[in-house]
């Protein structure tokens, strides 16, 4: 049987690029790149995944909110619970998707493919070794306000590193540790609030995190300092 007859859909070869979808991965949108395309972080993984962010609390909290929106449970290990309480109460529509724990007191989370977990370690300049470490479907995000003595160890073992505005001396040290180009390391001391250089062993990308209206109402505007 012959079906309905319709004109074929076609575009000139030089216009095929216009059909590309701005999707780089599945996961949470951490912001937009220099061309305004969404930058996506796949944080819920079947293998251990460690992230180190040298930056501000604001960015870490936006990441936590967006990770929770993907269906992950968020366990925050922190010595300043008061800075996270409002966020934990507001997230999840009344469901306890973000839980707060004292430093060193994060219990086993029981992560699985159906219930992934992100552990956010907000433990200051010298975070102790965590009782709960990265595992399948359990990623760990460690927040450092600045380049601390423990930072080189964390950067070297991390699958992903984010760096926000730091001093020129810190930028030079981070550049050496991460193997950045000179232009990239020099830019680290001039970044605007909300801009992060995300690094993997094979890729570098500057990303601007733009808060939604709901995120701004809850967390305020982007800021590097807390």
C-alpha atoms as a PDB file:
ATOM      1  CA  UNK A   1       0.000   0.000   0.000  1.00  0.00           C
ATOM      2  CA  UNK A   2       1.219   3.462  -0.835  1.00  0.00           C
ATOM      3  CA  UNK A   3       1.020   5.940   2.025  1.00  0.00           C
ATOM      4  CA  UNK A   4       0.319   9.675   1.865  1.00  0.00           C
ATOM      5  CA  UNK A   5       2.459  11.561  -0.584  1.00  0.00           C
ATOM      6  CA  UNK A   6       4.365  14.516   0.889  1.00  0.00           C
ATOM      7  CA  UNK A   7       7.149  16.709  -0.339  1.00  0.00           C
ATOM      8  CA  UNK A   8      10.563  15.664   0.883  1.00  0.00           C
ATOM      9  CA  UNK A   9      12.151  17.854   3.551  1.00  0.00           C
ATOM     10  CA  UNK A  10      15.605  19.022   2.588  1.00  0.00           C
ATOM     11  CA  UNK A  11      18.024  21.847   3.321  1.00  0.00           C
ATOM     12  CA  UNK A  12      21.079  23.049   1.448  1.00  0.00           C
ATOM     13  CA  UNK A  13      24.349  21.495   2.589  1.00  0.00           C
ATOM     14  CA  UNK A  14      25.708  24.805   3.900  1.00  0.00           C
ATOM     15  CA  UNK A  15      22.706  25.118   6.256  1.00  0.00           C
ATOM     16  CA  UNK A  16      23.016  21.742   7.964  1.00  0.00           C
ATOM     17  CA  UNK A  17      24.855  23.315  10.893  1.00  0.00           C
ATOM     18  CA  UNK A  18      21.698  25.240  11.794  1.00  0.00           C
ATOM     19  CA  UNK A  19      20.011  21.941  12.695  1.00  0.00           C
ATOM     20  CA  UNK A  20      22.492  21.119  15.452  1.00  0.00           C
ATOM     21  CA  UNK A  21      21.001  20.833  18.935  1.00  0.00           C
ATOM     22  CA  UNK A  22      22.882  22.589  21.782  1.00  0.00           C
ATOM     23  CA  UNK A  23      23.237  19.444  23.874  1.00  0.00           C
ATOM     24  CA  UNK A  24      26.634  18.241  25.039  1.00  0.00           C
ATOM     25  CA  UNK A  25      25.635  15.546  27.538  1.00  0.00           C
ATOM     26  CA  UNK A  26      22.856  14.544  29.872  1.00  0.00           C
ATOM     27  CA  UNK A  27      22.908  16.027  33.343  1.00  0.00           C
ATOM     28  CA  UNK A  28      22.678  19.461  34.868  1.00  0.00           C
ATOM     29  CA  UNK A  29      23.233  22.719  33.030  1.00  0.00           C
ATOM     30  CA  UNK A  30      26.096  24.510  34.800  1.00  0.00           C
ATOM     31  CA  UNK A  31      25.817  27.603  32.596  1.00  0.00           C
ATOM     32  CA  UNK A  32      26.632  28.785  29.100  1.00  0.00           C
ATOM     33  CA  UNK A  33      29.932  28.842  27.235  1.00  0.00           C
ATOM     34  CA  UNK A  34      31.505  31.764  25.379  1.00  0.00           C
ATOM     35  CA  UNK A  35      29.179  31.178  22.401  1.00  0.00           C
ATOM     36  CA  UNK A  36      26.071  31.102  24.585  1.00  0.00           C
ATOM     37  CA  UNK A  37      25.593  27.340  24.262  1.00  0.00           C
ATOM     38  CA  UNK A  38      24.483  25.319  27.304  1.00  0.00           C
ATOM     39  CA  UNK A  39      27.335  23.696  29.220  1.00  0.00           C
ATOM     40  CA  UNK A  40      26.114  20.412  30.678  1.00  0.00           C
ATOM     41  CA  UNK A  41      27.703  18.381  33.458  1.00  0.00           C
ATOM     42  CA  UNK A  42      26.815  14.705  33.719  1.00  0.00           C
ATOM     43  CA  UNK A  43      27.325  14.299  37.456  1.00  0.00           C
ATOM     44  CA  UNK A  44      25.290  11.119  38.043  1.00  0.00           C
ATOM     45  CA  UNK A  45      27.623   8.376  36.793  1.00  0.00           C
ATOM     46  CA  UNK A  46      28.001   4.607  37.129  1.00  0.00           C
ATOM     47  CA  UNK A  47      31.634   5.097  38.177  1.00  0.00           C
ATOM     48  CA  UNK A  48      33.229   7.145  40.984  1.00  0.00           C
ATOM     49  CA  UNK A  49      33.397  10.843  40.097  1.00  0.00           C
ATOM     50  CA  UNK A  50      35.234  13.518  42.088  1.00  0.00           C
ATOM     51  CA  UNK A  51      34.814  17.243  41.475  1.00  0.00           C
ATOM     52  CA  UNK A  52      36.833  20.002  43.122  1.00  0.00           C
ATOM     53  CA  UNK A  53      35.564  23.584  42.945  1.00  0.00           C
ATOM     54  CA  UNK A  54      37.871  26.404  44.005  1.00  0.00           C
ATOM     55  CA  UNK A  55      35.242  29.081  44.251  1.00  0.00           C
ATOM     56  CA  UNK A  56      32.321  30.540  46.091  1.00  0.00           C
ATOM     57  CA  UNK A  57      29.460  29.097  48.095  1.00  0.00           C
ATOM     58  CA  UNK A  58      26.922  30.598  45.669  1.00  0.00           C
ATOM     59  CA  UNK A  59      28.114  28.467  42.755  1.00  0.00           C
ATOM     60  CA  UNK A  60      28.266  25.323  44.896  1.00  0.00           C
ATOM     61  CA  UNK A  61      24.690  25.892  46.041  1.00  0.00           C
ATOM     62  CA  UNK A  62      23.414  26.445  42.496  1.00  0.00           C
ATOM     63  CA  UNK A  63      25.069  23.173  41.490  1.00  0.00           C
ATOM     64  CA  UNK A  64      23.448  21.407  44.453  1.00  0.00           C
ATOM     65  CA  UNK A  65      20.012  22.729  43.529  1.00  0.00           C
ATOM     66  CA  UNK A  66      20.374  21.702  39.913  1.00  0.00           C
ATOM     67  CA  UNK A  67      21.718  18.287  40.810  1.00  0.00           C
ATOM     68  CA  UNK A  68      18.681  17.786  43.040  1.00  0.00           C
ATOM     69  CA  UNK A  69      16.485  18.731  40.084  1.00  0.00           C
ATOM     70  CA  UNK A  70      17.965  15.809  38.113  1.00  0.00           C
ATOM     71  CA  UNK A  71      16.693  13.428  40.789  1.00  0.00           C
ATOM     72  CA  UNK A  72      19.868  13.088  42.850  1.00  0.00           C
ATOM     73  CA  UNK A  73      19.873  13.140  46.636  1.00  0.00           C
ATOM     74  CA  UNK A  74      22.270  15.770  48.002  1.00  0.00           C
ATOM     75  CA  UNK A  75      24.212  15.226  51.218  1.00  0.00           C
ATOM     76  CA  UNK A  76      25.995  18.381  52.374  1.00  0.00           C
ATOM     77  CA  UNK A  77      28.923  17.962  54.773  1.00  0.00           C
ATOM     78  CA  UNK A  78      29.532  21.381  56.276  1.00  0.00           C
ATOM     79  CA  UNK A  79      30.773  23.292  59.276  1.00  0.00           C
ATOM     80  CA  UNK A  80      28.425  26.195  58.513  1.00  0.00           C
ATOM     81  CA  UNK A  81      25.010  24.591  58.427  1.00  0.00           C
ATOM     82  CA  UNK A  82      23.337  27.992  58.814  1.00  0.00           C
ATOM     83  CA  UNK A  83      24.500  28.912  55.302  1.00  0.00           C
ATOM     84  CA  UNK A  84      22.728  25.854  53.853  1.00  0.00           C
ATOM     85  CA  UNK A  85      19.586  25.632  55.996  1.00  0.00           C
ATOM     86  CA  UNK A  86      17.348  27.867  53.867  1.00  0.00           C
ATOM     87  CA  UNK A  87      18.401  26.044  50.705  1.00  0.00           C
ATOM     88  CA  UNK A  88      17.776  22.614  52.237  1.00  0.00           C
ATOM     89  CA  UNK A  89      14.326  23.671  53.449  1.00  0.00           C
ATOM     90  CA  UNK A  90      13.323  25.181  50.100  1.00  0.00           C
ATOM     91  CA  UNK A  91      14.525  22.353  47.837  1.00  0.00           C
ATOM     92  CA  UNK A  92      12.429  19.375  46.898  1.00  0.00           C
ATOM     93  CA  UNK A  93       8.986  20.816  47.536  1.00  0.00           C
ATOM     94  CA  UNK A  94       8.945  19.540  51.099  1.00  0.00           C
ATOM     95  CA  UNK A  95      10.822  16.316  50.329  1.00  0.00           C
ATOM     96  CA  UNK A  96      14.183  15.917  52.105  1.00  0.00           C
ATOM     97  CA  UNK A  97      16.300  15.833  48.931  1.00  0.00           C
ATOM     98  CA  UNK A  98      19.072  17.969  50.512  1.00  0.00           C
ATOM     99  CA  UNK A  99      20.293  16.854  53.927  1.00  0.00           C
ATOM    100  CA  UNK A 100      22.889  18.579  56.124  1.00  0.00           C
ATOM    101  CA  UNK A 101      25.573  16.826  58.147  1.00  0.00           C
ATOM    102  CA  UNK A 102      28.389  17.920  60.434  1.00  0.00           C
ATOM    103  CA  UNK A 103      31.937  17.470  59.187  1.00  0.00           C
ATOM    104  CA  UNK A 104      32.891  13.817  59.411  1.00  0.00           C
ATOM    105  CA  UNK A 105      29.323  12.723  60.164  1.00  0.00           C
ATOM    106  CA  UNK A 106      27.923  11.832  56.734  1.00  0.00           C
ATOM    107  CA  UNK A 107      26.326   8.377  57.007  1.00  0.00           C
ATOM    108  CA  UNK A 108      26.375   5.802  54.176  1.00  0.00           C
ATOM    109  CA  UNK A 109      24.001   7.018  51.478  1.00  0.00           C
ATOM    110  CA  UNK A 110      23.064   3.815  49.658  1.00  0.00           C
ATOM    111  CA  UNK A 111      23.479   5.292  46.192  1.00  0.00           C
ATOM    112  CA  UNK A 112      22.134   3.376  43.208  1.00  0.00           C
ATOM    113  CA  UNK A 113      21.218   3.955  39.582  1.00  0.00           C
ATOM    114  CA  UNK A 114      17.659   4.682  40.664  1.00  0.00           C
ATOM    115  CA  UNK A 115      18.729   6.908  43.546  1.00  0.00           C
ATOM    116  CA  UNK A 116      22.018   8.680  42.741  1.00  0.00           C
ATOM    117  CA  UNK A 117      23.750  10.786  45.376  1.00  0.00           C
ATOM    118  CA  UNK A 118      25.917  13.884  45.277  1.00  0.00           C
ATOM    119  CA  UNK A 119      27.965  14.587  48.405  1.00  0.00           C
ATOM    120  CA  UNK A 120      28.924  18.266  48.693  1.00  0.00           C
ATOM    121  CA  UNK A 121      31.883  18.805  51.034  1.00  0.00           C
ATOM    122  CA  UNK A 122      31.912  22.402  52.313  1.00  0.00           C
ATOM    123  CA  UNK A 123      34.572  21.912  54.968  1.00  0.00           C
ATOM    124  CA  UNK A 124      36.799  24.966  54.667  1.00  0.00           C
ATOM    125  CA  UNK A 125      40.412  25.317  53.550  1.00  0.00           C
ATOM    126  CA  UNK A 126      41.607  21.960  54.922  1.00  0.00           C
ATOM    127  CA  UNK A 127      38.797  19.429  54.531  1.00  0.00           C
ATOM    128  CA  UNK A 128      39.569  16.199  56.374  1.00  0.00           C
ATOM    129  CA  UNK A 129      39.481  12.955  54.471  1.00  0.00           C
ATOM    130  CA  UNK A 130      35.834  12.092  54.052  1.00  0.00           C
ATOM    131  CA  UNK A 131      34.190   9.023  55.537  1.00  0.00           C
ATOM    132  CA  UNK A 132      31.913   8.878  52.492  1.00  0.00           C
ATOM    133  CA  UNK A 133      33.889   8.809  49.239  1.00  0.00           C
ATOM    134  CA  UNK A 134      32.949   8.710  45.574  1.00  0.00           C
ATOM    135  CA  UNK A 135      31.479   5.431  44.343  1.00  0.00           C
ATOM    136  CA  UNK A 136      29.231   4.219  41.541  1.00  0.00           C
ATOM    137  CA  UNK A 137      26.286   6.633  41.360  1.00  0.00           C
ATOM    138  CA  UNK A 138      27.781   8.695  44.184  1.00  0.00           C
ATOM    139  CA  UNK A 139      29.765  11.764  43.167  1.00  0.00           C
ATOM    140  CA  UNK A 140      31.669  13.989  45.583  1.00  0.00           C
ATOM    141  CA  UNK A 141      31.991  17.757  45.084  1.00  0.00           C
ATOM    142  CA  UNK A 142      34.602  19.408  47.318  1.00  0.00           C
ATOM    143  CA  UNK A 143      34.384  23.189  47.730  1.00  0.00           C
ATOM    144  CA  UNK A 144      37.574  25.106  48.532  1.00  0.00           C
ATOM    145  CA  UNK A 145      37.355  28.888  49.018  1.00  0.00           C
ATOM    146  CA  UNK A 146      40.971  29.343  47.902  1.00  0.00           C
ATOM    147  CA  UNK A 147      44.013  27.317  46.889  1.00  0.00           C
ATOM    148  CA  UNK A 148      44.837  25.621  50.190  1.00  0.00           C
ATOM    149  CA  UNK A 149      47.729  23.291  51.076  1.00  0.00           C
ATOM    150  CA  UNK A 150      45.502  20.271  50.386  1.00  0.00           C
ATOM    151  CA  UNK A 151      44.350  21.599  47.024  1.00  0.00           C
ATOM    152  CA  UNK A 152      47.102  20.057  44.842  1.00  0.00           C
ATOM    153  CA  UNK A 153      46.209  16.569  46.077  1.00  0.00           C
ATOM    154  CA  UNK A 154      42.519  17.141  45.444  1.00  0.00           C
ATOM    155  CA  UNK A 155      43.070  18.655  42.001  1.00  0.00           C
ATOM    156  CA  UNK A 156      45.259  15.790  40.868  1.00  0.00           C
ATOM    157  CA  UNK A 157      42.759  13.099  41.845  1.00  0.00           C
ATOM    158  CA  UNK A 158      39.639  14.905  40.609  1.00  0.00           C
ATOM    159  CA  UNK A 159      37.856  13.957  37.410  1.00  0.00           C
ATOM    160  CA  UNK A 160      36.678  17.558  37.024  1.00  0.00           C
ATOM    161  CA  UNK A 161      38.069  20.805  38.443  1.00  0.00           C
ATOM    162  CA  UNK A 162      36.319  24.174  38.549  1.00  0.00           C
ATOM    163  CA  UNK A 163      38.234  27.378  39.254  1.00  0.00           C
ATOM    164  CA  UNK A 164      36.689  30.772  39.882  1.00  0.00           C
ATOM    165  CA  UNK A 165      38.485  34.083  40.443  1.00  0.00           C
ATOM    166  CA  UNK A 166      41.716  33.667  42.409  1.00  0.00           C
ATOM    167  CA  UNK A 167      44.798  35.810  43.028  1.00  0.00           C
ATOM    168  CA  UNK A 168      47.515  35.979  40.339  1.00  0.00           C
ATOM    169  CA  UNK A 169      49.846  33.852  42.472  1.00  0.00           C
ATOM    170  CA  UNK A 170      47.157  31.212  42.962  1.00  0.00           C
ATOM    171  CA  UNK A 171      46.327  31.345  39.250  1.00  0.00           C
ATOM    172  CA  UNK A 172      49.951  30.635  38.336  1.00  0.00           C
ATOM    173  CA  UNK A 173      50.109  27.668  40.733  1.00  0.00           C
ATOM    174  CA  UNK A 174      46.817  26.252  39.472  1.00  0.00           C
ATOM    175  CA  UNK A 175      48.037  26.670  35.916  1.00  0.00           C
ATOM    176  CA  UNK A 176      51.096  24.561  36.659  1.00  0.00           C
ATOM    177  CA  UNK A 177      49.116  21.851  38.445  1.00  0.00           C
ATOM    178  CA  UNK A 178      46.442  21.623  35.746  1.00  0.00           C
ATOM    179  CA  UNK A 179      48.703  22.182  32.743  1.00  0.00           C
ATOM    180  CA  UNK A 180      46.812  25.276  31.608  1.00  0.00           C
ATOM    181  CA  UNK A 181      47.894  27.508  28.783  1.00  0.00           C
ATOM    182  CA  UNK A 182      49.346  30.809  29.908  1.00  0.00           C
ATOM    183  CA  UNK A 183      46.323  32.742  28.642  1.00  0.00           C
ATOM    184  CA  UNK A 184      43.991  30.484  30.635  1.00  0.00           C
ATOM    185  CA  UNK A 185      45.921  30.764  33.902  1.00  0.00           C
ATOM    186  CA  UNK A 186      46.276  34.554  33.553  1.00  0.00           C
ATOM    187  CA  UNK A 187      42.520  34.879  33.010  1.00  0.00           C
ATOM    188  CA  UNK A 188      41.774  33.236  36.369  1.00  0.00           C
ATOM    189  CA  UNK A 189      42.598  36.389  38.329  1.00  0.00           C
ATOM    190  CA  UNK A 190      40.183  38.509  36.242  1.00  0.00           C
ATOM    191  CA  UNK A 191      37.066  36.318  36.080  1.00  0.00           C
ATOM    192  CA  UNK A 192      33.706  37.924  36.753  1.00  0.00           C
ATOM    193  CA  UNK A 193      31.408  36.651  39.496  1.00  0.00           C
ATOM    194  CA  UNK A 194      29.644  33.503  38.305  1.00  0.00           C
ATOM    195  CA  UNK A 195      32.322  32.545  35.762  1.00  0.00           C
ATOM    196  CA  UNK A 196      34.161  29.253  36.227  1.00  0.00           C
ATOM    197  CA  UNK A 197      36.915  27.574  34.270  1.00  0.00           C
ATOM    198  CA  UNK A 198      35.976  23.885  34.195  1.00  0.00           C
ATOM    199  CA  UNK A 199      38.884  21.544  33.478  1.00  0.00           C
ATOM    200  CA  UNK A 200      39.184  17.866  32.659  1.00  0.00           C
ATOM    201  CA  UNK A 201      42.387  16.107  31.616  1.00  0.00           C
ATOM    202  CA  UNK A 202      41.434  16.725  27.981  1.00  0.00           C
ATOM    203  CA  UNK A 203      39.274  19.835  27.911  1.00  0.00           C
ATOM    204  CA  UNK A 204      38.998  23.395  29.214  1.00  0.00           C
ATOM    205  CA  UNK A 205      35.898  25.557  29.136  1.00  0.00           C
ATOM    206  CA  UNK A 206      34.961  28.918  30.624  1.00  0.00           C
ATOM    207  CA  UNK A 207      31.326  28.856  31.731  1.00  0.00           C
ATOM    208  CA  UNK A 208      29.036  31.596  32.990  1.00  0.00           C
ATOM    209  CA  UNK A 209      26.474  30.339  35.512  1.00  0.00           C
ATOM    210  CA  UNK A 210      23.254  32.303  35.089  1.00  0.00           C
ATOM    211  CA  UNK A 211      20.750  31.924  37.911  1.00  0.00           C
ATOM    212  CA  UNK A 212      17.059  31.435  37.257  1.00  0.00           C
ATOM    213  CA  UNK A 213      14.575  33.780  38.911  1.00  0.00           C
ATOM    214  CA  UNK A 214      13.844  31.133  41.550  1.00  0.00           C
ATOM    215  CA  UNK A 215      17.552  30.624  42.255  1.00  0.00           C
ATOM    216  CA  UNK A 216      18.139  34.366  42.530  1.00  0.00           C
ATOM    217  CA  UNK A 217      15.220  34.723  44.925  1.00  0.00           C
ATOM    218  CA  UNK A 218      16.650  31.979  47.116  1.00  0.00           C
ATOM    219  CA  UNK A 219      20.396  32.583  46.845  1.00  0.00           C
ATOM    220  CA  UNK A 220      20.753  36.164  45.629  1.00  0.00           C
ATOM    221  CA  UNK A 221      22.964  37.240  42.746  1.00  0.00           C
ATOM    222  CA  UNK A 222      26.161  35.539  41.653  1.00  0.00           C
ATOM    223  CA  UNK A 223      29.104  36.267  43.928  1.00  0.00           C
ATOM    224  CA  UNK A 224      32.606  34.945  44.415  1.00  0.00           C
ATOM    225  CA  UNK A 225      32.973  35.984  48.065  1.00  0.00           C
ATOM    226  CA  UNK A 226      30.701  34.874  50.912  1.00  0.00           C
END
